[in-house]
Amino acid sequence: MKDVLEESALLVAAGSTRNTSNVPSQIVREYTYGYVAVSPHDGTMDSLILPQVTKEAMSIFLREVSDRHPDEFILMVVDGAGWHKASALIVPDNMALYFLPPYSPQTQPR
């Protein structure tokens, strides 16, 4: 590896460059998304890492939180993201969603 770096440095110093414009390349981005809920009452945190943000993934998260707290009623505060408001979103029986207003700076921590 050291020889390659030294050779590259010599080529650049001599004014020679290699044309790499014909080398195919592809940028691949893979994302994961964290779904998190925290209880203001006792600080209990529930989280899932999922590969996408969709109504199906949100339904999985809601079901998981509901299953972890079967004897509690959960009021989950959410913003207006599309997957929070999707008509096909499955909200468990022991849970209700409270939607923040579209513009609500007073609800943001300082």
PDB file of N, CA and C in Angstrom:
ATOM      1  N   MET A   1       0.831  -1.193   0.000  1.00  0.00           N
ATOM      2  CA  MET A   1       0.000   0.000   0.000  1.00  0.00           C
ATOM      3  C   MET A   1       0.871   1.250   0.000  1.00  0.00           C
ATOM      4  N   LYS A   2       1.986   1.191   0.738  1.00  0.00           N
ATOM      5  CA  LYS A   2       2.873   2.335   0.812  1.00  0.00           C
ATOM      6  C   LYS A   2       3.439   2.680  -0.559  1.00  0.00           C
ATOM      7  N   ASP A   3       3.772   1.648  -1.367  1.00  0.00           N
ATOM      8  CA  ASP A   3       4.311   1.881  -2.708  1.00  0.00           C
ATOM      9  C   ASP A   3       3.287   2.575  -3.603  1.00  0.00           C
ATOM     10  N   VAL A   4       2.021   2.182  -3.484  1.00  0.00           N
ATOM     11  CA  VAL A   4       0.964   2.790  -4.292  1.00  0.00           C
ATOM     12  C   VAL A   4       0.810   4.268  -3.938  1.00  0.00           C
ATOM     13  N   LEU A   5       0.840   4.577  -2.642  1.00  0.00           N
ATOM     14  CA  LEU A   5       0.714   5.966  -2.214  1.00  0.00           C
ATOM     15  C   LEU A   5       1.896   6.801  -2.675  1.00  0.00           C
ATOM     16  N   GLU A   6       3.096   6.245  -2.573  1.00  0.00           N
ATOM     17  CA  GLU A   6       4.280   6.977  -3.020  1.00  0.00           C
ATOM     18  C   GLU A   6       4.229   7.212  -4.523  1.00  0.00           C
ATOM     19  N   GLU A   7       3.781   6.189  -5.301  1.00  0.00           N
ATOM     20  CA  GLU A   7       3.677   6.333  -6.747  1.00  0.00           C
ATOM     21  C   GLU A   7       2.653   7.402  -7.107  1.00  0.00           C
ATOM     22  N   SER A   8       1.520   7.402  -6.388  1.00  0.00           N
ATOM     23  CA  SER A   8       0.488   8.411  -6.639  1.00  0.00           C
ATOM     24  C   SER A   8       1.015   9.799  -6.342  1.00  0.00           C
ATOM     25  N   ALA A   9       1.760   9.941  -5.243  1.00  0.00           N
ATOM     26  CA  ALA A   9       2.326  11.240  -4.884  1.00  0.00           C
ATOM     27  C   ALA A   9       3.314  11.705  -5.939  1.00  0.00           C
ATOM     28  N   LEU A  10       4.119  10.799  -6.488  1.00  0.00           N
ATOM     29  CA  LEU A  10       5.075  11.164  -7.533  1.00  0.00           C
ATOM     30  C   LEU A  10       4.361  11.592  -8.805  1.00  0.00           C
ATOM     31  N   LEU A  11       3.278  10.894  -9.172  1.00  0.00           N
ATOM     32  CA  LEU A  11       2.525  11.266 -10.368  1.00  0.00           C
ATOM     33  C   LEU A  11       1.895  12.642 -10.225  1.00  0.00           C
ATOM     34  N   VAL A  12       1.331  12.926  -9.069  1.00  0.00           N
ATOM     35  CA  VAL A  12       0.719  14.238  -8.831  1.00  0.00           C
ATOM     36  C   VAL A  12       1.794  15.313  -8.841  1.00  0.00           C
ATOM     37  N   ALA A  13       2.938  15.037  -8.217  1.00  0.00           N
ATOM     38  CA  ALA A  13       4.025  16.013  -8.177  1.00  0.00           C
ATOM     39  C   ALA A  13       4.560  16.290  -9.574  1.00  0.00           C
ATOM     40  N   ALA A  14       4.555  15.294 -10.439  1.00  0.00           N
ATOM     41  CA  ALA A  14       5.065  15.475 -11.799  1.00  0.00           C
ATOM     42  C   ALA A  14       4.013  16.082 -12.718  1.00  0.00           C
ATOM     43  N   GLY A  15       2.834  16.315 -12.218  1.00  0.00           N
ATOM     44  CA  GLY A  15       1.778  16.919 -13.031  1.00  0.00           C
ATOM     45  C   GLY A  15       0.953  15.903 -13.785  1.00  0.00           C
ATOM     46  N   SER A  16       1.202  14.645 -13.584  1.00  0.00           N
ATOM     47  CA  SER A  16       0.426  13.606 -14.255  1.00  0.00           C
ATOM     48  C   SER A  16      -0.756  13.218 -13.388  1.00  0.00           C
ATOM     49  N   THR A  17      -1.863  13.025 -14.022  1.00  0.00           N
ATOM     50  CA  THR A  17      -3.039  12.532 -13.305  1.00  0.00           C
ATOM     51  C   THR A  17      -3.669  11.428 -14.124  1.00  0.00           C
ATOM     52  N   ARG A  18      -4.342  10.556 -13.456  1.00  0.00           N
ATOM     53  CA  ARG A  18      -5.055   9.494 -14.160  1.00  0.00           C
ATOM     54  C   ARG A  18      -6.486   9.938 -14.385  1.00  0.00           C
ATOM     55  N   ASN A  19      -7.012   9.609 -15.535  1.00  0.00           N
ATOM     56  CA  ASN A  19      -8.404   9.919 -15.835  1.00  0.00           C
ATOM     57  C   ASN A  19      -9.269   8.809 -15.249  1.00  0.00           C
ATOM     58  N   THR A  20     -10.019   9.136 -14.243  1.00  0.00           N
ATOM     59  CA  THR A  20     -10.881   8.144 -13.612  1.00  0.00           C
ATOM     60  C   THR A  20     -12.350   8.388 -13.946  1.00  0.00           C
ATOM     61  N   SER A  21     -12.629   9.254 -14.896  1.00  0.00           N
ATOM     62  CA  SER A  21     -14.014   9.581 -15.218  1.00  0.00           C
ATOM     63  C   SER A  21     -14.757   8.414 -15.850  1.00  0.00           C
ATOM     64  N   ASN A  22     -14.040   7.456 -16.396  1.00  0.00           N
ATOM     65  CA  ASN A  22     -14.712   6.330 -17.028  1.00  0.00           C
ATOM     66  C   ASN A  22     -14.841   5.123 -16.085  1.00  0.00           C
ATOM     67  N   VAL A  23     -14.462   5.298 -14.826  1.00  0.00           N
ATOM     68  CA  VAL A  23     -14.594   4.224 -13.855  1.00  0.00           C
ATOM     69  C   VAL A  23     -16.001   4.287 -13.273  1.00  0.00           C
ATOM     70  N   PRO A  24     -16.778   3.202 -13.461  1.00  0.00           N
ATOM     71  CA  PRO A  24     -18.139   3.241 -12.922  1.00  0.00           C
ATOM     72  C   PRO A  24     -18.133   3.207 -11.395  1.00  0.00           C
ATOM     73  N   SER A  25     -19.040   3.966 -10.836  1.00  0.00           N
ATOM     74  CA  SER A  25     -19.179   3.957  -9.388  1.00  0.00           C
ATOM     75  C   SER A  25     -20.648   4.162  -9.045  1.00  0.00           C
ATOM     76  N   GLN A  26     -20.988   3.724  -7.871  1.00  0.00           N
ATOM     77  CA  GLN A  26     -22.359   3.864  -7.426  1.00  0.00           C
ATOM     78  C   GLN A  26     -22.347   4.116  -5.931  1.00  0.00           C
ATOM     79  N   ILE A  27     -23.102   5.117  -5.522  1.00  0.00           N
ATOM     80  CA  ILE A  27     -23.235   5.394  -4.099  1.00  0.00           C
ATOM     81  C   ILE A  27     -24.491   4.687  -3.614  1.00  0.00           C
ATOM     82  N   VAL A  28     -24.332   3.836  -2.650  1.00  0.00           N
ATOM     83  CA  VAL A  28     -25.461   3.109  -2.084  1.00  0.00           C
ATOM     84  C   VAL A  28     -25.620   3.569  -0.643  1.00  0.00           C
ATOM     85  N   ARG A  29     -26.793   4.040  -0.336  1.00  0.00           N
ATOM     86  CA  ARG A  29     -27.080   4.478   1.030  1.00  0.00           C
ATOM     87  C   ARG A  29     -28.112   3.543   1.628  1.00  0.00           C
ATOM     88  N   GLU A  30     -27.823   3.072   2.798  1.00  0.00           N
ATOM     89  CA  GLU A  30     -28.770   2.246   3.522  1.00  0.00           C
ATOM     90  C   GLU A  30     -29.063   2.935   4.844  1.00  0.00           C
ATOM     91  N   TYR A  31     -30.325   3.010   5.184  1.00  0.00           N
ATOM     92  CA  TYR A  31     -30.730   3.717   6.385  1.00  0.00           C
ATOM     93  C   TYR A  31     -31.449   2.770   7.341  1.00  0.00           C
ATOM     94  N   THR A  32     -31.367   3.081   8.586  1.00  0.00           N
ATOM     95  CA  THR A  32     -32.201   2.445   9.594  1.00  0.00           C
ATOM     96  C   THR A  32     -32.846   3.569  10.388  1.00  0.00           C
ATOM     97  N   TYR A  33     -33.995   3.287  10.943  1.00  0.00           N
ATOM     98  CA  TYR A  33     -34.760   4.325  11.617  1.00  0.00           C
ATOM     99  C   TYR A  33     -35.086   3.881  13.036  1.00  0.00           C
ATOM    100  N   GLY A  34     -34.927   4.793  13.948  1.00  0.00           N
ATOM    101  CA  GLY A  34     -35.223   4.508  15.342  1.00  0.00           C
ATOM    102  C   GLY A  34     -36.612   5.002  15.703  1.00  0.00           C
ATOM    103  N   TYR A  35     -37.427   4.120  16.219  1.00  0.00           N
ATOM    104  CA  TYR A  35     -38.746   4.454  16.744  1.00  0.00           C
ATOM    105  C   TYR A  35     -38.628   4.406  18.259  1.00  0.00           C
ATOM    106  N   VAL A  36     -38.966   5.494  18.929  1.00  0.00           N
ATOM    107  CA  VAL A  36     -38.759   5.575  20.380  1.00  0.00           C
ATOM    108  C   VAL A  36     -39.958   6.237  21.041  1.00  0.00           C
ATOM    109  N   ALA A  37     -40.337   5.688  22.186  1.00  0.00           N
ATOM    110  CA  ALA A  37     -41.369   6.293  23.028  1.00  0.00           C
ATOM    111  C   ALA A  37     -40.848   6.301  24.454  1.00  0.00           C
ATOM    112  N   VAL A  38     -41.045   7.426  25.147  1.00  0.00           N
ATOM    113  CA  VAL A  38     -40.599   7.563  26.534  1.00  0.00           C
ATOM    114  C   VAL A  38     -41.784   7.993  27.383  1.00  0.00           C
ATOM    115  N   SER A  39     -41.946   7.320  28.504  1.00  0.00           N
ATOM    116  CA  SER A  39     -43.024   7.671  29.422  1.00  0.00           C
ATOM    117  C   SER A  39     -42.601   8.851  30.283  1.00  0.00           C
ATOM    118  N   PRO A  40     -43.366   9.959  30.269  1.00  0.00           N
ATOM    119  CA  PRO A  40     -43.024  11.082  31.140  1.00  0.00           C
ATOM    120  C   PRO A  40     -43.311  10.760  32.607  1.00  0.00           C
ATOM    121  N   HIS A  41     -44.122   9.749  32.835  1.00  0.00           N
ATOM    122  CA  HIS A  41     -44.487   9.358  34.207  1.00  0.00           C
ATOM    123  C   HIS A  41     -43.315   8.705  34.941  1.00  0.00           C
ATOM    124  N   ASP A  42     -42.681   7.699  34.313  1.00  0.00           N
ATOM    125  CA  ASP A  42     -41.626   6.962  35.012  1.00  0.00           C
ATOM    126  C   ASP A  42     -40.323   6.819  34.217  1.00  0.00           C
ATOM    127  N   GLY A  43     -40.249   7.413  33.034  1.00  0.00           N
ATOM    128  CA  GLY A  43     -39.018   7.383  32.246  1.00  0.00           C
ATOM    129  C   GLY A  43     -38.786   6.104  31.472  1.00  0.00           C
ATOM    130  N   THR A  44     -39.747   5.200  31.470  1.00  0.00           N
ATOM    131  CA  THR A  44     -39.610   3.959  30.711  1.00  0.00           C
ATOM    132  C   THR A  44     -39.491   4.281  29.229  1.00  0.00           C
ATOM    133  N   MET A  45     -38.494   3.666  28.594  1.00  0.00           N
ATOM    134  CA  MET A  45     -38.283   3.908  27.164  1.00  0.00           C
ATOM    135  C   MET A  45     -38.495   2.610  26.397  1.00  0.00           C
ATOM    136  N   ASP A  46     -39.246   2.695  25.321  1.00  0.00           N
ATOM    137  CA  ASP A  46     -39.433   1.574  24.407  1.00  0.00           C
ATOM    138  C   ASP A  46     -38.905   2.014  23.049  1.00  0.00           C
ATOM    139  N   SER A  47     -38.156   1.137  22.405  1.00  0.00           N
ATOM    140  CA  SER A  47     -37.593   1.512  21.109  1.00  0.00           C
ATOM    141  C   SER A  47     -37.494   0.297  20.199  1.00  0.00           C
ATOM    142  N   LEU A  48     -37.517   0.568  18.910  1.00  0.00           N
ATOM    143  CA  LEU A  48     -37.294  -0.429  17.872  1.00  0.00           C
ATOM    144  C   LEU A  48     -36.458   0.214  16.782  1.00  0.00           C
ATOM    145  N   ILE A  49     -35.600  -0.559  16.169  1.00  0.00           N
ATOM    146  CA  ILE A  49     -34.856  -0.117  14.994  1.00  0.00           C
ATOM    147  C   ILE A  49     -35.477  -0.844  13.805  1.00  0.00           C
ATOM    148  N   LEU A  50     -35.972  -0.076  12.836  1.00  0.00           N
ATOM    149  CA  LEU A  50     -36.640  -0.661  11.680  1.00  0.00           C
ATOM    150  C   LEU A  50     -36.034  -0.105  10.396  1.00  0.00           C
ATOM    151  N   PRO A  51     -36.173  -0.821   9.288  1.00  0.00           N
ATOM    152  CA  PRO A  51     -35.506  -0.420   8.041  1.00  0.00           C
ATOM    153  C   PRO A  51     -36.216   0.669   7.247  1.00  0.00           C
ATOM    154  N   GLN A  52     -37.395   1.079   7.683  1.00  0.00           N
ATOM    155  CA  GLN A  52     -38.139   2.074   6.904  1.00  0.00           C
ATOM    156  C   GLN A  52     -39.103   2.850   7.792  1.00  0.00           C
ATOM    157  N   VAL A  53     -39.602   3.949   7.250  1.00  0.00           N
ATOM    158  CA  VAL A  53     -40.655   4.705   7.928  1.00  0.00           C
ATOM    159  C   VAL A  53     -41.895   4.624   7.050  1.00  0.00           C
ATOM    160  N   THR A  54     -42.798   3.760   7.457  1.00  0.00           N
ATOM    161  CA  THR A  54     -44.054   3.542   6.739  1.00  0.00           C
ATOM    162  C   THR A  54     -45.155   3.310   7.763  1.00  0.00           C
ATOM    163  N   LYS A  55     -46.383   3.304   7.285  1.00  0.00           N
ATOM    164  CA  LYS A  55     -47.496   3.018   8.193  1.00  0.00           C
ATOM    165  C   LYS A  55     -47.395   1.604   8.748  1.00  0.00           C
ATOM    166  N   GLU A  56     -46.859   0.673   7.958  1.00  0.00           N
ATOM    167  CA  GLU A  56     -46.687  -0.700   8.442  1.00  0.00           C
ATOM    168  C   GLU A  56     -45.652  -0.761   9.565  1.00  0.00           C
ATOM    169  N   ALA A  57     -44.531  -0.049   9.383  1.00  0.00           N
ATOM    170  CA  ALA A  57     -43.493  -0.030  10.413  1.00  0.00           C
ATOM    171  C   ALA A  57     -44.009   0.662  11.679  1.00  0.00           C
ATOM    172  N   MET A  58     -44.747   1.744  11.518  1.00  0.00           N
ATOM    173  CA  MET A  58     -45.309   2.433  12.681  1.00  0.00           C
ATOM    174  C   MET A  58     -46.311   1.535  13.405  1.00  0.00           C
ATOM    175  N   SER A  59     -47.100   0.777  12.657  1.00  0.00           N
ATOM    176  CA  SER A  59     -48.043  -0.159  13.268  1.00  0.00           C
ATOM    177  C   SER A  59     -47.307  -1.233  14.064  1.00  0.00           C
ATOM    178  N   ILE A  60     -46.187  -1.709  13.545  1.00  0.00           N
ATOM    179  CA  ILE A  60     -45.362  -2.691  14.269  1.00  0.00           C
ATOM    180  C   ILE A  60     -44.870  -2.089  15.578  1.00  0.00           C
ATOM    181  N   PHE A  61     -44.404  -0.844  15.516  1.00  0.00           N
ATOM    182  CA  PHE A  61     -43.914  -0.178  16.728  1.00  0.00           C
ATOM    183  C   PHE A  61     -45.031   0.007  17.752  1.00  0.00           C
ATOM    184  N   LEU A  62     -46.187   0.470  17.308  1.00  0.00           N
ATOM    185  CA  LEU A  62     -47.307   0.661  18.228  1.00  0.00           C
ATOM    186  C   LEU A  62     -47.701  -0.658  18.882  1.00  0.00           C
ATOM    187  N   ARG A  63     -47.744  -1.731  18.099  1.00  0.00           N
ATOM    188  CA  ARG A  63     -48.088  -3.045  18.639  1.00  0.00           C
ATOM    189  C   ARG A  63     -47.045  -3.488  19.665  1.00  0.00           C
ATOM    190  N   GLU A  64     -45.780  -3.249  19.379  1.00  0.00           N
ATOM    191  CA  GLU A  64     -44.705  -3.629  20.310  1.00  0.00           C
ATOM    192  C   GLU A  64     -44.827  -2.887  21.634  1.00  0.00           C
ATOM    193  N   VAL A  65     -45.058  -1.586  21.569  1.00  0.00           N
ATOM    194  CA  VAL A  65     -45.220  -0.797  22.794  1.00  0.00           C
ATOM    195  C   VAL A  65     -46.447  -1.288  23.562  1.00  0.00           C
ATOM    196  N   SER A  66     -47.520  -1.535  22.852  1.00  0.00           N
ATOM    197  CA  SER A  66     -48.739  -2.033  23.486  1.00  0.00           C
ATOM    198  C   SER A  66     -48.499  -3.388  24.159  1.00  0.00           C
ATOM    199  N   ASP A  67     -47.793  -4.276  23.488  1.00  0.00           N
ATOM    200  CA  ASP A  67     -47.514  -5.608  24.050  1.00  0.00           C
ATOM    201  C   ASP A  67     -46.611  -5.537  25.279  1.00  0.00           C
ATOM    202  N   ARG A  68     -45.721  -4.556  25.326  1.00  0.00           N
ATOM    203  CA  ARG A  68     -44.830  -4.410  26.482  1.00  0.00           C
ATOM    204  C   ARG A  68     -45.554  -3.838  27.701  1.00  0.00           C
ATOM    205  N   HIS A  69     -46.694  -3.182  27.476  1.00  0.00           N
ATOM    206  CA  HIS A  69     -47.458  -2.550  28.569  1.00  0.00           C
ATOM    207  C   HIS A  69     -48.941  -2.932  28.452  1.00  0.00           C
ATOM    208  N   PRO A  70     -49.246  -4.221  28.574  1.00  0.00           N
ATOM    209  CA  PRO A  70     -50.626  -4.675  28.311  1.00  0.00           C
ATOM    210  C   PRO A  70     -51.662  -4.183  29.328  1.00  0.00           C
ATOM    211  N   ASP A  71     -51.227  -3.838  30.533  1.00  0.00           N
ATOM    212  CA  ASP A  71     -52.169  -3.422  31.576  1.00  0.00           C
ATOM    213  C   ASP A  71     -52.267  -1.909  31.718  1.00  0.00           C
ATOM    214  N   GLU A  72     -51.699  -1.178  30.781  1.00  0.00           N
ATOM    215  CA  GLU A  72     -51.702   0.285  30.854  1.00  0.00           C
ATOM    216  C   GLU A  72     -52.416   0.865  29.636  1.00  0.00           C
ATOM    217  N   PHE A  73     -53.032   2.025  29.835  1.00  0.00           N
ATOM    218  CA  PHE A  73     -53.540   2.777  28.695  1.00  0.00           C
ATOM    219  C   PHE A  73     -52.462   3.775  28.304  1.00  0.00           C
ATOM    220  N   ILE A  74     -52.122   3.826  27.028  1.00  0.00           N
ATOM    221  CA  ILE A  74     -51.010   4.644  26.544  1.00  0.00           C
ATOM    222  C   ILE A  74     -51.548   5.772  25.681  1.00  0.00           C
ATOM    223  N   LEU A  75     -51.227   6.993  26.050  1.00  0.00           N
ATOM    224  CA  LEU A  75     -51.515   8.161  25.224  1.00  0.00           C
ATOM    225  C   LEU A  75     -50.188   8.570  24.603  1.00  0.00           C
ATOM    226  N   MET A  76     -50.045   8.342  23.307  1.00  0.00           N
ATOM    227  CA  MET A  76     -48.791   8.630  22.625  1.00  0.00           C
ATOM    228  C   MET A  76     -48.923   9.939  21.853  1.00  0.00           C
ATOM    229  N   VAL A  77     -48.023  10.871  22.141  1.00  0.00           N
ATOM    230  CA  VAL A  77     -48.007  12.167  21.466  1.00  0.00           C
ATOM    231  C   VAL A  77     -47.112  12.050  20.240  1.00  0.00           C
ATOM    232  N   VAL A  78     -47.664  12.383  19.079  1.00  0.00           N
ATOM    233  CA  VAL A  78     -46.926  12.266  17.820  1.00  0.00           C
ATOM    234  C   VAL A  78     -47.083  13.555  17.013  1.00  0.00           C
ATOM    235  N   ASP A  79     -46.163  13.752  16.078  1.00  0.00           N
ATOM    236  CA  ASP A  79     -46.281  14.922  15.203  1.00  0.00           C
ATOM    237  C   ASP A  79     -47.120  14.548  13.975  1.00  0.00           C
ATOM    238  N   GLY A  80     -47.086  15.357  12.966  1.00  0.00           N
ATOM    239  CA  GLY A  80     -47.944  15.150  11.805  1.00  0.00           C
ATOM    240  C   GLY A  80     -47.303  14.374  10.673  1.00  0.00           C
ATOM    241  N   ALA A  81     -46.311  13.557  10.961  1.00  0.00           N
ATOM    242  CA  ALA A  81     -45.679  12.765   9.904  1.00  0.00           C
ATOM    243  C   ALA A  81     -46.729  11.888   9.218  1.00  0.00           C
ATOM    244  N   GLY A  82     -46.541  11.668   7.944  1.00  0.00           N
ATOM    245  CA  GLY A  82     -47.523  10.906   7.164  1.00  0.00           C
ATOM    246  C   GLY A  82     -47.790   9.523   7.714  1.00  0.00           C
ATOM    247  N   TRP A  83     -46.756   8.857   8.206  1.00  0.00           N
ATOM    248  CA  TRP A  83     -46.955   7.500   8.734  1.00  0.00           C
ATOM    249  C   TRP A  83     -47.625   7.516  10.105  1.00  0.00           C
ATOM    250  N   HIS A  84     -47.686   8.681  10.768  1.00  0.00           N
ATOM    251  CA  HIS A  84     -48.428   8.790  12.026  1.00  0.00           C
ATOM    252  C   HIS A  84     -49.925   8.951  11.770  1.00  0.00           C
ATOM    253  N   LYS A  85     -50.269   9.534  10.625  1.00  0.00           N
ATOM    254  CA  LYS A  85     -51.665   9.859  10.329  1.00  0.00           C
ATOM    255  C   LYS A  85     -52.286   8.972   9.258  1.00  0.00           C
ATOM    256  N   ALA A  86     -51.574   7.966   8.804  1.00  0.00           N
ATOM    257  CA  ALA A  86     -52.075   7.114   7.726  1.00  0.00           C
ATOM    258  C   ALA A  86     -53.392   6.451   8.129  1.00  0.00           C
ATOM    259  N   SER A  87     -54.324   6.397   7.207  1.00  0.00           N
ATOM    260  CA  SER A  87     -55.639   5.822   7.516  1.00  0.00           C
ATOM    261  C   SER A  87     -55.550   4.331   7.818  1.00  0.00           C
ATOM    262  N   ALA A  88     -54.551   3.661   7.272  1.00  0.00           N
ATOM    263  CA  ALA A  88     -54.399   2.217   7.498  1.00  0.00           C
ATOM    264  C   ALA A  88     -53.551   1.901   8.731  1.00  0.00           C
ATOM    265  N   LEU A  89     -53.178   2.924   9.501  1.00  0.00           N
ATOM    266  CA  LEU A  89     -52.378   2.702  10.703  1.00  0.00           C
ATOM    267  C   LEU A  89     -53.196   1.908  11.719  1.00  0.00           C
ATOM    268  N   ILE A  90     -52.587   0.877  12.270  1.00  0.00           N
ATOM    269  CA  ILE A  90     -53.281   0.028  13.245  1.00  0.00           C
ATOM    270  C   ILE A  90     -52.875   0.466  14.647  1.00  0.00           C
ATOM    271  N   VAL A  91     -53.832   1.073  15.355  1.00  0.00           N
ATOM    272  CA  VAL A  91     -53.597   1.546  16.724  1.00  0.00           C
ATOM    273  C   VAL A  91     -54.222   0.534  17.682  1.00  0.00           C
ATOM    274  N   PRO A  92     -53.418  -0.039  18.575  1.00  0.00           N
ATOM    275  CA  PRO A  92     -53.951  -1.036  19.524  1.00  0.00           C
ATOM    276  C   PRO A  92     -55.046  -0.445  20.415  1.00  0.00           C
ATOM    277  N   ASP A  93     -55.855  -1.336  20.998  1.00  0.00           N
ATOM    278  CA  ASP A  93     -56.997  -0.923  21.822  1.00  0.00           C
ATOM    279  C   ASP A  93     -56.589  -0.181  23.089  1.00  0.00           C
ATOM    280  N   ASN A  94     -55.408  -0.487  23.626  1.00  0.00           N
ATOM    281  CA  ASN A  94     -54.982   0.171  24.873  1.00  0.00           C
ATOM    282  C   ASN A  94     -54.130   1.410  24.602  1.00  0.00           C
ATOM    283  N   MET A  95     -54.317   2.006  23.419  1.00  0.00           N
ATOM    284  CA  MET A  95     -53.503   3.156  23.033  1.00  0.00           C
ATOM    285  C   MET A  95     -54.337   4.169  22.259  1.00  0.00           C
ATOM    286  N   ALA A  96     -54.007   5.447  22.436  1.00  0.00           N
ATOM    287  CA  ALA A  96     -54.595   6.526  21.640  1.00  0.00           C
ATOM    288  C   ALA A  96     -53.456   7.438  21.205  1.00  0.00           C
ATOM    289  N   LEU A  97     -53.599   8.028  20.022  1.00  0.00           N
ATOM    290  CA  LEU A  97     -52.596   8.957  19.517  1.00  0.00           C
ATOM    291  C   LEU A  97     -53.109  10.381  19.674  1.00  0.00           C
ATOM    292  N   TYR A  98     -52.239  11.258  20.162  1.00  0.00           N
ATOM    293  CA  TYR A  98     -52.551  12.683  20.272  1.00  0.00           C
ATOM    294  C   TYR A  98     -51.635  13.401  19.298  1.00  0.00           C
ATOM    295  N   PHE A  99     -52.216  14.130  18.349  1.00  0.00           N
ATOM    296  CA  PHE A  99     -51.434  14.791  17.306  1.00  0.00           C
ATOM    297  C   PHE A  99     -51.115  16.230  17.689  1.00  0.00           C
ATOM    298  N   LEU A 100     -49.848  16.586  17.618  1.00  0.00           N
ATOM    299  CA  LEU A 100     -49.434  17.964  17.847  1.00  0.00           C
ATOM    300  C   LEU A 100     -49.954  18.840  16.718  1.00  0.00           C
ATOM    301  N   PRO A 101     -50.213  20.103  16.984  1.00  0.00           N
ATOM    302  CA  PRO A 101     -50.605  21.015  15.904  1.00  0.00           C
ATOM    303  C   PRO A 101     -49.473  21.133  14.877  1.00  0.00           C
ATOM    304  N   PRO A 102     -49.801  21.501  13.626  1.00  0.00           N
ATOM    305  CA  PRO A 102     -48.782  21.580  12.580  1.00  0.00           C
ATOM    306  C   PRO A 102     -47.603  22.491  12.921  1.00  0.00           C
ATOM    307  N   TYR A 103     -47.858  23.622  13.543  1.00  0.00           N
ATOM    308  CA  TYR A 103     -46.774  24.522  13.926  1.00  0.00           C
ATOM    309  C   TYR A 103     -46.919  24.773  15.407  1.00  0.00           C
ATOM    310  N   SER A 104     -46.012  24.208  16.193  1.00  0.00           N
ATOM    311  CA  SER A 104     -46.177  24.310  17.649  1.00  0.00           C
ATOM    312  C   SER A 104     -44.837  24.499  18.357  1.00  0.00           C
ATOM    313  N   PRO A 105     -44.187  25.647  18.169  1.00  0.00           N
ATOM    314  CA  PRO A 105     -42.880  25.855  18.820  1.00  0.00           C
ATOM    315  C   PRO A 105     -42.969  25.827  20.333  1.00  0.00           C
ATOM    316  N   GLN A 106     -44.135  26.153  20.896  1.00  0.00           N
ATOM    317  CA  GLN A 106     -44.277  26.163  22.344  1.00  0.00           C
ATOM    318  C   GLN A 106     -44.163  24.750  22.940  1.00  0.00           C
ATOM    319  N   THR A 107     -44.307  23.706  22.118  1.00  0.00           N
ATOM    320  CA  THR A 107     -44.195  22.342  22.621  1.00  0.00           C
ATOM    321  C   THR A 107     -42.780  21.792  22.538  1.00  0.00           C
ATOM    322  N   GLN A 108     -41.868  22.557  21.962  1.00  0.00           N
ATOM    323  CA  GLN A 108     -40.478  22.103  21.809  1.00  0.00           C
ATOM    324  C   GLN A 108     -39.676  22.483  23.040  1.00  0.00           C
ATOM    325  N   PRO A 109     -38.848  21.563  23.541  1.00  0.00           N
ATOM    326  CA  PRO A 109     -38.031  21.891  24.718  1.00  0.00           C
ATOM    327  C   PRO A 109     -36.992  22.971  24.387  1.00  0.00           C
ATOM    328  N   ARG A 110     -36.652  23.739  25.379  1.00  0.00           N
ATOM    329  CA  ARG A 110     -35.647  24.804  25.161  1.00  0.00           C
ATOM    330  C   ARG A 110     -34.309  24.359  25.647  1.00  0.00           C
TER     331      ARG A 110
END
